[in-house]
Amino acid sequence: TLDFIDFVRVYTAVNQNAGWLGETSTEVTGAEDLHLE
């Protein structure tokens, strides 16, 4: 149980090589608080 959080971490969660696509790698393009007020 956490009332607040201050840091967020994201990590690639699959160890996989998908042929000519290469390694499976998570990409991040942004984030937001869904209830700022």
Full PDB file with SEQRES, HELIX, SHEET, SSBOND, CRYST1, ORIGX, SCALE, CONECT and MASTER records, all heavy atoms in Angstrom:
SEQRES   1 A   37  THR LEU ASP PHE ILE ASP PHE VAL ARG VAL TYR THR ALA          
SEQRES   2 A   37  VAL ASN GLN ASN ALA GLY TRP LEU GLY GLU THR SER THR          
SEQRES   3 A   37  GLU VAL THR GLY ALA GLU ASP LEU HIS LEU GLU                  
HELIX    1 AA1 GLY A   19  LEU A   21  5                                   3    
CRYST1    1.000    1.000    1.000  90.00  90.00  90.00 P 1           1          
ORIGX1      1.000000  0.000000  0.000000        0.00000                         
ORIGX2      0.000000  1.000000  0.000000        0.00000                         
ORIGX3      0.000000  0.000000  1.000000        0.00000                         
SCALE1      1.000000  0.000000  0.000000        0.00000                         
SCALE2      0.000000  1.000000  0.000000        0.00000                         
SCALE3      0.000000  0.000000  1.000000        0.00000                         
ATOM      1  N   THR A   1       0.843  -1.189   0.000  1.00  0.00           N  
ATOM      2  CA  THR A   1       0.000   0.000   0.000  1.00  0.00           C  
ATOM      3  C   THR A   1       0.883   1.245   0.000  1.00  0.00           C  
ATOM      4  O   THR A   1       1.694   1.443   0.904  1.00  0.00           O  
ATOM      5  CB  THR A   1      -0.920   0.019   1.233  1.00  0.00           C  
ATOM      6  OG1 THR A   1      -1.771  -1.132   1.209  1.00  0.00           O  
ATOM      7  CG2 THR A   1      -1.783   1.280   1.235  1.00  0.00           C  
ATOM      8  N   LEU A   2       0.724   2.068  -1.027  1.00  0.00           N  
ATOM      9  CA  LEU A   2       1.482   3.315  -1.150  1.00  0.00           C  
ATOM     10  C   LEU A   2       0.495   4.464  -1.309  1.00  0.00           C  
ATOM     11  O   LEU A   2      -0.365   4.420  -2.183  1.00  0.00           O  
ATOM     12  CB  LEU A   2       2.406   3.262  -2.364  1.00  0.00           C  
ATOM     13  CG  LEU A   2       3.494   2.178  -2.371  1.00  0.00           C  
ATOM     14  CD1 LEU A   2       4.124   2.082  -3.758  1.00  0.00           C  
ATOM     15  CD2 LEU A   2       4.551   2.490  -1.328  1.00  0.00           C  
ATOM     16  N   ASP A   3       0.617   5.491  -0.474  1.00  0.00           N  
ATOM     17  CA  ASP A   3      -0.286   6.638  -0.612  1.00  0.00           C  
ATOM     18  C   ASP A   3       0.145   7.573  -1.736  1.00  0.00           C  
ATOM     19  O   ASP A   3      -0.689   8.188  -2.412  1.00  0.00           O  
ATOM     20  CB  ASP A   3      -0.407   7.399   0.711  1.00  0.00           C  
ATOM     21  CG  ASP A   3       0.938   7.793   1.307  1.00  0.00           C  
ATOM     22  OD1 ASP A   3       1.994   7.413   0.747  1.00  0.00           O  
ATOM     23  OD2 ASP A   3       0.937   8.477   2.352  1.00  0.00           O  
ATOM     24  N   PHE A   4       1.453   7.664  -1.956  1.00  0.00           N  
ATOM     25  CA  PHE A   4       2.012   8.491  -3.022  1.00  0.00           C  
ATOM     26  C   PHE A   4       3.212   7.767  -3.624  1.00  0.00           C  
ATOM     27  O   PHE A   4       3.812   6.904  -2.986  1.00  0.00           O  
ATOM     28  CB  PHE A   4       2.523   9.842  -2.485  1.00  0.00           C  
ATOM     29  CG  PHE A   4       1.480  10.749  -1.918  1.00  0.00           C  
ATOM     30  CD1 PHE A   4       1.090  10.650  -0.588  1.00  0.00           C  
ATOM     31  CD2 PHE A   4       0.886  11.734  -2.700  1.00  0.00           C  
ATOM     32  CE1 PHE A   4       0.141  11.503  -0.048  1.00  0.00           C  
ATOM     33  CE2 PHE A   4      -0.059  12.591  -2.175  1.00  0.00           C  
ATOM     34  CZ  PHE A   4      -0.437  12.477  -0.850  1.00  0.00           C  
ATOM     35  N   ILE A   5       3.585   8.167  -4.825  1.00  0.00           N  
ATOM     36  CA  ILE A   5       4.854   7.713  -5.402  1.00  0.00           C  
ATOM     37  C   ILE A   5       5.572   8.933  -5.984  1.00  0.00           C  
ATOM     38  O   ILE A   5       4.933   9.898  -6.409  1.00  0.00           O  
ATOM     39  CB  ILE A   5       4.679   6.604  -6.459  1.00  0.00           C  
ATOM     40  CG1 ILE A   5       3.767   7.045  -7.615  1.00  0.00           C  
ATOM     41  CG2 ILE A   5       4.156   5.342  -5.812  1.00  0.00           C  
ATOM     42  CD1 ILE A   5       4.510   7.413  -8.867  1.00  0.00           C  
ATOM     43  N   ASP A   6       6.914   8.871  -5.985  1.00  0.00           N  
ATOM     44  CA  ASP A   6       7.717   9.995  -6.448  1.00  0.00           C  
ATOM     45  C   ASP A   6       8.520   9.687  -7.705  1.00  0.00           C  
ATOM     46  O   ASP A   6       8.916  10.608  -8.419  1.00  0.00           O  
ATOM     47  CB  ASP A   6       8.673  10.444  -5.342  1.00  0.00           C  
ATOM     48  CG  ASP A   6       7.924  10.966  -4.133  1.00  0.00           C  
ATOM     49  OD1 ASP A   6       7.218  11.977  -4.285  1.00  0.00           O  
ATOM     50  OD2 ASP A   6       8.013  10.357  -3.043  1.00  0.00           O  
ATOM     51  N   PHE A   7       8.798   8.412  -7.960  1.00  0.00           N  
ATOM     52  CA  PHE A   7       9.589   8.022  -9.120  1.00  0.00           C  
ATOM     53  C   PHE A   7       8.911   6.864  -9.849  1.00  0.00           C  
ATOM     54  O   PHE A   7       8.292   5.999  -9.229  1.00  0.00           O  
ATOM     55  CB  PHE A   7      10.998   7.595  -8.708  1.00  0.00           C  
ATOM     56  CG  PHE A   7      11.796   8.679  -8.030  1.00  0.00           C  
ATOM     57  CD1 PHE A   7      11.892   8.728  -6.646  1.00  0.00           C  
ATOM     58  CD2 PHE A   7      12.423   9.661  -8.781  1.00  0.00           C  
ATOM     59  CE1 PHE A   7      12.613   9.732  -6.026  1.00  0.00           C  
ATOM     60  CE2 PHE A   7      13.150  10.671  -8.172  1.00  0.00           C  
ATOM     61  CZ  PHE A   7      13.244  10.711  -6.790  1.00  0.00           C  
ATOM     62  N   VAL A   8       9.058   6.865 -11.167  1.00  0.00           N  
ATOM     63  CA  VAL A   8       8.541   5.790 -12.008  1.00  0.00           C  
ATOM     64  C   VAL A   8       9.708   5.217 -12.802  1.00  0.00           C  
ATOM     65  O   VAL A   8      10.542   5.970 -13.318  1.00  0.00           O  
ATOM     66  CB  VAL A   8       7.462   6.305 -12.979  1.00  0.00           C  
ATOM     67  CG1 VAL A   8       6.989   5.183 -13.904  1.00  0.00           C  
ATOM     68  CG2 VAL A   8       6.276   6.888 -12.208  1.00  0.00           C  
ATOM     69  N   ARG A   9       9.777   3.897 -12.893  1.00  0.00           N  
ATOM     70  CA  ARG A   9      10.813   3.228 -13.676  1.00  0.00           C  
ATOM     71  C   ARG A   9      10.132   2.271 -14.652  1.00  0.00           C  
ATOM     72  O   ARG A   9       9.178   1.578 -14.294  1.00  0.00           O  
ATOM     73  CB  ARG A   9      11.778   2.465 -12.771  1.00  0.00           C  
ATOM     74  CG  ARG A   9      12.862   1.673 -13.516  1.00  0.00           C  
ATOM     75  CD  ARG A   9      13.863   1.069 -12.524  1.00  0.00           C  
ATOM     76  NE  ARG A   9      14.653   2.124 -11.897  1.00  0.00           N  
ATOM     77  CZ  ARG A   9      15.447   1.918 -10.856  1.00  0.00           C  
ATOM     78  NH1 ARG A   9      15.534   0.708 -10.301  1.00  0.00           N  
ATOM     79  NH2 ARG A   9      16.141   2.915 -10.353  1.00  0.00           N  
ATOM     80  N   VAL A  10      10.621   2.223 -15.873  1.00  0.00           N  
ATOM     81  CA  VAL A  10      10.114   1.295 -16.892  1.00  0.00           C  
ATOM     82  C   VAL A  10      11.293   0.491 -17.408  1.00  0.00           C  
ATOM     83  O   VAL A  10      12.348   1.063 -17.708  1.00  0.00           O  
ATOM     84  CB  VAL A  10       9.455   2.054 -18.064  1.00  0.00           C  
ATOM     85  CG1 VAL A  10       8.952   1.062 -19.119  1.00  0.00           C  
ATOM     86  CG2 VAL A  10       8.317   2.938 -17.569  1.00  0.00           C  
ATOM     87  N   TYR A  11      11.134  -0.841 -17.497  1.00  0.00           N  
ATOM     88  CA  TYR A  11      12.205  -1.659 -18.080  1.00  0.00           C  
ATOM     89  C   TYR A  11      11.651  -2.671 -19.077  1.00  0.00           C  
ATOM     90  O   TYR A  11      10.518  -3.153 -18.942  1.00  0.00           O  
ATOM     91  CB  TYR A  11      13.044  -2.347 -17.004  1.00  0.00           C  
ATOM     92  CG  TYR A  11      12.400  -3.447 -16.190  1.00  0.00           C  
ATOM     93  CD1 TYR A  11      12.416  -4.777 -16.606  1.00  0.00           C  
ATOM     94  CD2 TYR A  11      11.824  -3.163 -14.946  1.00  0.00           C  
ATOM     95  CE1 TYR A  11      11.863  -5.789 -15.831  1.00  0.00           C  
ATOM     96  CE2 TYR A  11      11.278  -4.169 -14.158  1.00  0.00           C  
ATOM     97  CZ  TYR A  11      11.304  -5.483 -14.599  1.00  0.00           C  
ATOM     98  OH  TYR A  11      10.750  -6.478 -13.823  1.00  0.00           O  
ATOM     99  N   THR A  12      12.460  -2.966 -20.092  1.00  0.00           N  
ATOM    100  CA  THR A  12      12.074  -3.974 -21.086  1.00  0.00           C  
ATOM    101  C   THR A  12      11.889  -5.310 -20.387  1.00  0.00           C  
ATOM    102  O   THR A  12      12.765  -5.765 -19.644  1.00  0.00           O  
ATOM    103  CB  THR A  12      13.153  -4.098 -22.176  1.00  0.00           C  
ATOM    104  OG1 THR A  12      13.303  -2.833 -22.825  1.00  0.00           O  
ATOM    105  CG2 THR A  12      12.759  -5.156 -23.201  1.00  0.00           C  
ATOM    106  N   ALA A  13      10.738  -5.962 -20.645  1.00  0.00           N  
ATOM    107  CA  ALA A  13      10.356  -7.120 -19.833  1.00  0.00           C  
ATOM    108  C   ALA A  13      10.395  -8.455 -20.566  1.00  0.00           C  
ATOM    109  O   ALA A  13      10.039  -9.485 -19.989  1.00  0.00           O  
ATOM    110  CB  ALA A  13       8.956  -6.895 -19.263  1.00  0.00           C  
ATOM    111  N   VAL A  14      10.823  -8.485 -21.840  1.00  0.00           N  
ATOM    112  CA  VAL A  14      10.896  -9.735 -22.597  1.00  0.00           C  
ATOM    113  C   VAL A  14      12.309  -9.902 -23.148  1.00  0.00           C  
ATOM    114  O   VAL A  14      12.886  -8.949 -23.686  1.00  0.00           O  
ATOM    115  CB  VAL A  14       9.885  -9.747 -23.768  1.00  0.00           C  
ATOM    116  CG1 VAL A  14      10.037 -11.018 -24.601  1.00  0.00           C  
ATOM    117  CG2 VAL A  14       8.456  -9.632 -23.247  1.00  0.00           C  
ATOM    118  N   ASN A  15      12.866 -11.095 -22.989  1.00  0.00           N  
ATOM    119  CA  ASN A  15      14.163 -11.422 -23.590  1.00  0.00           C  
ATOM    120  C   ASN A  15      13.879 -12.200 -24.864  1.00  0.00           C  
ATOM    121  O   ASN A  15      13.594 -13.395 -24.829  1.00  0.00           O  
ATOM    122  CB  ASN A  15      15.017 -12.244 -22.627  1.00  0.00           C  
ATOM    123  CG  ASN A  15      16.375 -12.580 -23.216  1.00  0.00           C  
ATOM    124  OD1 ASN A  15      16.782 -12.015 -24.224  1.00  0.00           O  
ATOM    125  ND2 ASN A  15      17.081 -13.504 -22.582  1.00  0.00           N  
ATOM    126  N   GLN A  16      13.947 -11.518 -25.998  1.00  0.00           N  
ATOM    127  CA  GLN A  16      13.473 -12.129 -27.240  1.00  0.00           C  
ATOM    128  C   GLN A  16      14.142 -11.504 -28.458  1.00  0.00           C  
ATOM    129  O   GLN A  16      14.318 -10.285 -28.529  1.00  0.00           O  
ATOM    130  CB  GLN A  16      11.953 -11.908 -27.315  1.00  0.00           C  
ATOM    131  CG  GLN A  16      11.272 -12.303 -28.587  1.00  0.00           C  
ATOM    132  CD  GLN A  16       9.770 -12.090 -28.480  1.00  0.00           C  
ATOM    133  OE1 GLN A  16       9.014 -13.035 -28.337  1.00  0.00           O  
ATOM    134  NE2 GLN A  16       9.333 -10.841 -28.534  1.00  0.00           N  
ATOM    135  N   ASN A  17      14.485 -12.349 -29.410  1.00  0.00           N  
ATOM    136  CA  ASN A  17      14.956 -11.883 -30.712  1.00  0.00           C  
ATOM    137  C   ASN A  17      13.905 -12.286 -31.754  1.00  0.00           C  
ATOM    138  O   ASN A  17      13.585 -13.469 -31.900  1.00  0.00           O  
ATOM    139  CB  ASN A  17      16.305 -12.512 -31.058  1.00  0.00           C  
ATOM    140  CG  ASN A  17      16.775 -12.110 -32.436  1.00  0.00           C  
ATOM    141  OD1 ASN A  17      16.712 -10.942 -32.801  1.00  0.00           O  
ATOM    142  ND2 ASN A  17      17.239 -13.075 -33.215  1.00  0.00           N  
ATOM    143  N   ALA A  18      13.364 -11.280 -32.437  1.00  0.00           N  
ATOM    144  CA  ALA A  18      12.291 -11.537 -33.397  1.00  0.00           C  
ATOM    145  C   ALA A  18      12.824 -11.428 -34.826  1.00  0.00           C  
ATOM    146  O   ALA A  18      12.447 -10.528 -35.590  1.00  0.00           O  
ATOM    147  CB  ALA A  18      11.144 -10.563 -33.169  1.00  0.00           C  
ATOM    148  N   GLY A  19      13.710 -12.322 -35.179  1.00  0.00           N  
ATOM    149  CA  GLY A  19      14.205 -12.382 -36.551  1.00  0.00           C  
ATOM    150  C   GLY A  19      14.777 -11.075 -37.047  1.00  0.00           C  
ATOM    151  O   GLY A  19      15.571 -10.428 -36.351  1.00  0.00           O  
ATOM    152  N   TRP A  20      14.370 -10.666 -38.248  1.00  0.00           N  
ATOM    153  CA  TRP A  20      14.916  -9.441 -38.828  1.00  0.00           C  
ATOM    154  C   TRP A  20      14.469  -8.191 -38.080  1.00  0.00           C  
ATOM    155  O   TRP A  20      15.068  -7.113 -38.237  1.00  0.00           O  
ATOM    156  CB  TRP A  20      14.570  -9.338 -40.307  1.00  0.00           C  
ATOM    157  CG  TRP A  20      13.099  -9.209 -40.614  1.00  0.00           C  
ATOM    158  CD1 TRP A  20      12.236 -10.211 -40.904  1.00  0.00           C  
ATOM    159  CD2 TRP A  20      12.354  -7.998 -40.654  1.00  0.00           C  
ATOM    160  NE1 TRP A  20      10.978  -9.705 -41.128  1.00  0.00           N  
ATOM    161  CE2 TRP A  20      11.030  -8.340 -40.989  1.00  0.00           C  
ATOM    162  CE3 TRP A  20      12.669  -6.652 -40.453  1.00  0.00           C  
ATOM    163  CZ2 TRP A  20      10.018  -7.393 -41.101  1.00  0.00           C  
ATOM    164  CZ3 TRP A  20      11.663  -5.703 -40.577  1.00  0.00           C  
ATOM    165  CH2 TRP A  20      10.351  -6.083 -40.897  1.00  0.00           C  
ATOM    166  N   LEU A  21      13.437  -8.320 -37.209  1.00  0.00           N  
ATOM    167  CA  LEU A  21      13.047  -7.182 -36.372  1.00  0.00           C  
ATOM    168  C   LEU A  21      14.080  -6.903 -35.287  1.00  0.00           C  
ATOM    169  O   LEU A  21      14.142  -5.800 -34.750  1.00  0.00           O  
ATOM    170  CB  LEU A  21      11.685  -7.440 -35.711  1.00  0.00           C  
ATOM    171  CG  LEU A  21      10.442  -7.411 -36.599  1.00  0.00           C  
ATOM    172  CD1 LEU A  21       9.214  -7.727 -35.764  1.00  0.00           C  
ATOM    173  CD2 LEU A  21      10.289  -6.057 -37.275  1.00  0.00           C  
ATOM    174  N   GLY A  22      14.858  -7.898 -34.945  1.00  0.00           N  
ATOM    175  CA  GLY A  22      15.866  -7.738 -33.898  1.00  0.00           C  
ATOM    176  C   GLY A  22      15.304  -7.970 -32.511  1.00  0.00           C  
ATOM    177  O   GLY A  22      14.251  -8.598 -32.329  1.00  0.00           O  
ATOM    178  N   GLU A  23      16.031  -7.480 -31.513  1.00  0.00           N  
ATOM    179  CA  GLU A  23      15.634  -7.675 -30.111  1.00  0.00           C  
ATOM    180  C   GLU A  23      14.334  -6.929 -29.816  1.00  0.00           C  
ATOM    181  O   GLU A  23      14.044  -5.885 -30.421  1.00  0.00           O  
ATOM    182  CB  GLU A  23      16.741  -7.202 -29.163  1.00  0.00           C  
ATOM    183  CG  GLU A  23      16.825  -5.703 -28.921  1.00  0.00           C  
ATOM    184  CD  GLU A  23      17.362  -4.910 -30.090  1.00  0.00           C  
ATOM    185  OE1 GLU A  23      17.986  -5.521 -30.992  1.00  0.00           O  
ATOM    186  OE2 GLU A  23      17.176  -3.669 -30.116  1.00  0.00           O  
ATOM    187  N   THR A  24      13.559  -7.491 -28.902  1.00  0.00           N  
ATOM    188  CA  THR A  24      12.368  -6.796 -28.422  1.00  0.00           C  
ATOM    189  C   THR A  24      12.825  -5.743 -27.426  1.00  0.00           C  
ATOM    190  O   THR A  24      13.488  -6.057 -26.431  1.00  0.00           O  
ATOM    191  CB  THR A  24      11.401  -7.786 -27.751  1.00  0.00           C  
ATOM    192  OG1 THR A  24      10.937  -8.721 -28.742  1.00  0.00           O  
ATOM    193  CG2 THR A  24      10.216  -7.072 -27.139  1.00  0.00           C  
ATOM    194  N   SER A  25      12.482  -4.480 -27.692  1.00  0.00           N  
ATOM    195  CA  SER A  25      12.951  -3.375 -26.838  1.00  0.00           C  
ATOM    196  C   SER A  25      11.818  -2.391 -26.600  1.00  0.00           C  
ATOM    197  O   SER A  25      11.211  -1.874 -27.544  1.00  0.00           O  
ATOM    198  CB  SER A  25      14.135  -2.651 -27.494  1.00  0.00           C  
ATOM    199  OG  SER A  25      13.777  -2.153 -28.765  1.00  0.00           O  
ATOM    200  N   THR A  26      11.527  -2.157 -25.336  1.00  0.00           N  
ATOM    201  CA  THR A  26      10.489  -1.192 -24.963  1.00  0.00           C  
ATOM    202  C   THR A  26      10.939   0.220 -25.326  1.00  0.00           C  
ATOM    203  O   THR A  26      12.095   0.582 -25.111  1.00  0.00           O  
ATOM    204  CB  THR A  26      10.208  -1.283 -23.454  1.00  0.00           C  
ATOM    205  OG1 THR A  26       9.804  -2.615 -23.127  1.00  0.00           O  
ATOM    206  CG2 THR A  26       9.110  -0.303 -23.045  1.00  0.00           C  
ATOM    207  N   GLU A  27      10.023   0.990 -25.874  1.00  0.00           N  
ATOM    208  CA  GLU A  27      10.272   2.409 -26.127  1.00  0.00           C  
ATOM    209  C   GLU A  27       9.308   3.247 -25.283  1.00  0.00           C  
ATOM    210  O   GLU A  27       8.165   2.848 -25.044  1.00  0.00           O  
ATOM    211  CB  GLU A  27      10.092   2.760 -27.606  1.00  0.00           C  
ATOM    212  CG  GLU A  27      11.334   2.568 -28.452  1.00  0.00           C  
ATOM    213  CD  GLU A  27      11.594   1.121 -28.799  1.00  0.00           C  
ATOM    214  OE1 GLU A  27      10.679   0.464 -29.314  1.00  0.00           O  
ATOM    215  OE2 GLU A  27      12.724   0.648 -28.547  1.00  0.00           O  
ATOM    216  N   VAL A  28       9.777   4.398 -24.843  1.00  0.00           N  
ATOM    217  CA  VAL A  28       8.971   5.327 -24.042  1.00  0.00           C  
ATOM    218  C   VAL A  28       8.926   6.668 -24.757  1.00  0.00           C  
ATOM    219  O   VAL A  28       9.953   7.165 -25.233  1.00  0.00           O  
ATOM    220  CB  VAL A  28       9.567   5.499 -22.629  1.00  0.00           C  
ATOM    221  CG1 VAL A  28       8.794   6.558 -21.834  1.00  0.00           C  
ATOM    222  CG2 VAL A  28       9.564   4.169 -21.877  1.00  0.00           C  
ATOM    223  N   THR A  29       7.715   7.260 -24.829  1.00  0.00           N  
ATOM    224  CA  THR A  29       7.570   8.558 -25.487  1.00  0.00           C  
ATOM    225  C   THR A  29       6.957   9.623 -24.583  1.00  0.00           C  
ATOM    226  O   THR A  29       6.784  10.765 -25.021  1.00  0.00           O  
ATOM    227  CB  THR A  29       6.717   8.434 -26.765  1.00  0.00           C  
ATOM    228  OG1 THR A  29       5.417   7.916 -26.423  1.00  0.00           O  
ATOM    229  CG2 THR A  29       7.378   7.513 -27.779  1.00  0.00           C  
ATOM    230  N   GLY A  30       6.645   9.277 -23.335  1.00  0.00           N  
ATOM    231  CA  GLY A  30       6.108  10.279 -22.419  1.00  0.00           C  
ATOM    232  C   GLY A  30       5.313   9.657 -21.294  1.00  0.00           C  
ATOM    233  O   GLY A  30       5.106   8.439 -21.251  1.00  0.00           O  
ATOM    234  N   ALA A  31       4.856  10.496 -20.366  1.00  0.00           N  
ATOM    235  CA  ALA A  31       4.036  10.040 -19.243  1.00  0.00           C  
ATOM    236  C   ALA A  31       3.320  11.228 -18.631  1.00  0.00           C  
ATOM    237  O   ALA A  31       3.754  12.382 -18.791  1.00  0.00           O  
ATOM    238  CB  ALA A  31       4.897   9.344 -18.192  1.00  0.00           C  
ATOM    239  N   GLU A  32       2.219  10.953 -17.931  1.00  0.00           N  
ATOM    240  CA  GLU A  32       1.490  12.033 -17.273  1.00  0.00           C  
ATOM    241  C   GLU A  32       0.726  11.533 -16.057  1.00  0.00           C  
ATOM    242  O   GLU A  32       0.342  10.363 -15.975  1.00  0.00           O  
ATOM    243  CB  GLU A  32       0.519  12.704 -18.242  1.00  0.00           C  
ATOM    244  CG  GLU A  32      -0.588  11.818 -18.758  1.00  0.00           C  
ATOM    245  CD  GLU A  32      -1.519  12.553 -19.722  1.00  0.00           C  
ATOM    246  OE1 GLU A  32      -1.172  12.633 -20.917  1.00  0.00           O  
ATOM    247  OE2 GLU A  32      -2.568  13.052 -19.262  1.00  0.00           O  
ATOM    248  N   ASP A  33       0.541  12.438 -15.108  1.00  0.00           N  
ATOM    249  CA  ASP A  33      -0.317  12.220 -13.951  1.00  0.00           C  
ATOM    250  C   ASP A  33      -1.753  12.321 -14.454  1.00  0.00           C  
ATOM    251  O   ASP A  33      -2.148  13.333 -15.043  1.00  0.00           O  
ATOM    252  CB  ASP A  33      -0.015  13.287 -12.900  1.00  0.00           C  
ATOM    253  CG  ASP A  33      -0.842  13.148 -11.621  1.00  0.00           C  
ATOM    254  OD1 ASP A  33      -1.846  12.415 -11.631  1.00  0.00           O  
ATOM    255  OD2 ASP A  33      -0.494  13.810 -10.625  1.00  0.00           O  
ATOM    256  N   LEU A  34      -2.552  11.292 -14.220  1.00  0.00           N  
ATOM    257  CA  LEU A  34      -3.924  11.274 -14.731  1.00  0.00           C  
ATOM    258  C   LEU A  34      -4.910  12.044 -13.862  1.00  0.00           C  
ATOM    259  O   LEU A  34      -6.075  12.201 -14.237  1.00  0.00           O  
ATOM    260  CB  LEU A  34      -4.401   9.832 -14.895  1.00  0.00           C  
ATOM    261  CG  LEU A  34      -3.755   9.060 -16.045  1.00  0.00           C  
ATOM    262  CD1 LEU A  34      -4.211   7.605 -16.041  1.00  0.00           C  
ATOM    263  CD2 LEU A  34      -4.060   9.714 -17.392  1.00  0.00           C  
ATOM    264  N   HIS A  35      -4.456  12.528 -12.711  1.00  0.00           N  
ATOM    265  CA  HIS A  35      -5.356  13.301 -11.840  1.00  0.00           C  
ATOM    266  C   HIS A  35      -4.545  14.363 -11.091  1.00  0.00           C  
ATOM    267  O   HIS A  35      -4.429  14.330  -9.870  1.00  0.00           O  
ATOM    268  CB  HIS A  35      -6.095  12.389 -10.863  1.00  0.00           C  
ATOM    269  CG  HIS A  35      -5.248  11.346 -10.208  1.00  0.00           C  
ATOM    270  ND1 HIS A  35      -4.164  11.657  -9.397  1.00  0.00           N  
ATOM    271  CD2 HIS A  35      -5.299   9.995 -10.238  1.00  0.00           C  
ATOM    272  CE1 HIS A  35      -3.622  10.543  -8.951  1.00  0.00           C  
ATOM    273  NE2 HIS A  35      -4.280   9.522  -9.460  1.00  0.00           N  
ATOM    274  N   LEU A  36      -3.990  15.286 -11.843  1.00  0.00           N  
ATOM    275  CA  LEU A  36      -3.104  16.308 -11.285  1.00  0.00           C  
ATOM    276  C   LEU A  36      -3.740  17.048 -10.115  1.00  0.00           C  
ATOM    277  O   LEU A  36      -3.126  17.197  -9.052  1.00  0.00           O  
ATOM    278  CB  LEU A  36      -2.709  17.307 -12.381  1.00  0.00           C  
ATOM    279  CG  LEU A  36      -1.893  18.525 -11.933  1.00  0.00           C  
ATOM    280  CD1 LEU A  36      -0.569  18.101 -11.344  1.00  0.00           C  
ATOM    281  CD2 LEU A  36      -1.686  19.485 -13.098  1.00  0.00           C  
ATOM    282  N   GLU A  37      -4.953  17.540 -10.291  1.00  0.00           N  
ATOM    283  CA  GLU A  37      -5.588  18.324  -9.229  1.00  0.00           C  
ATOM    284  C   GLU A  37      -5.779  17.501  -7.963  1.00  0.00           C  
ATOM    285  O   GLU A  37      -5.587  18.003  -6.849  1.00  0.00           O  
ATOM    286  CB  GLU A  37      -6.923  18.886  -9.717  1.00  0.00           C  
ATOM    287  CG  GLU A  37      -6.773  19.942 -10.810  1.00  0.00           C  
ATOM    288  CD  GLU A  37      -8.096  20.531 -11.223  1.00  0.00           C  
ATOM    289  OE1 GLU A  37      -9.138  20.106 -10.662  1.00  0.00           O  
ATOM    290  OE2 GLU A  37      -8.105  21.403 -12.112  1.00  0.00           O  
TER     291      GLU A  37                                                      
MASTER        0    0    0    1    0    0    0    6  290    1    0    3          
END                                                                             
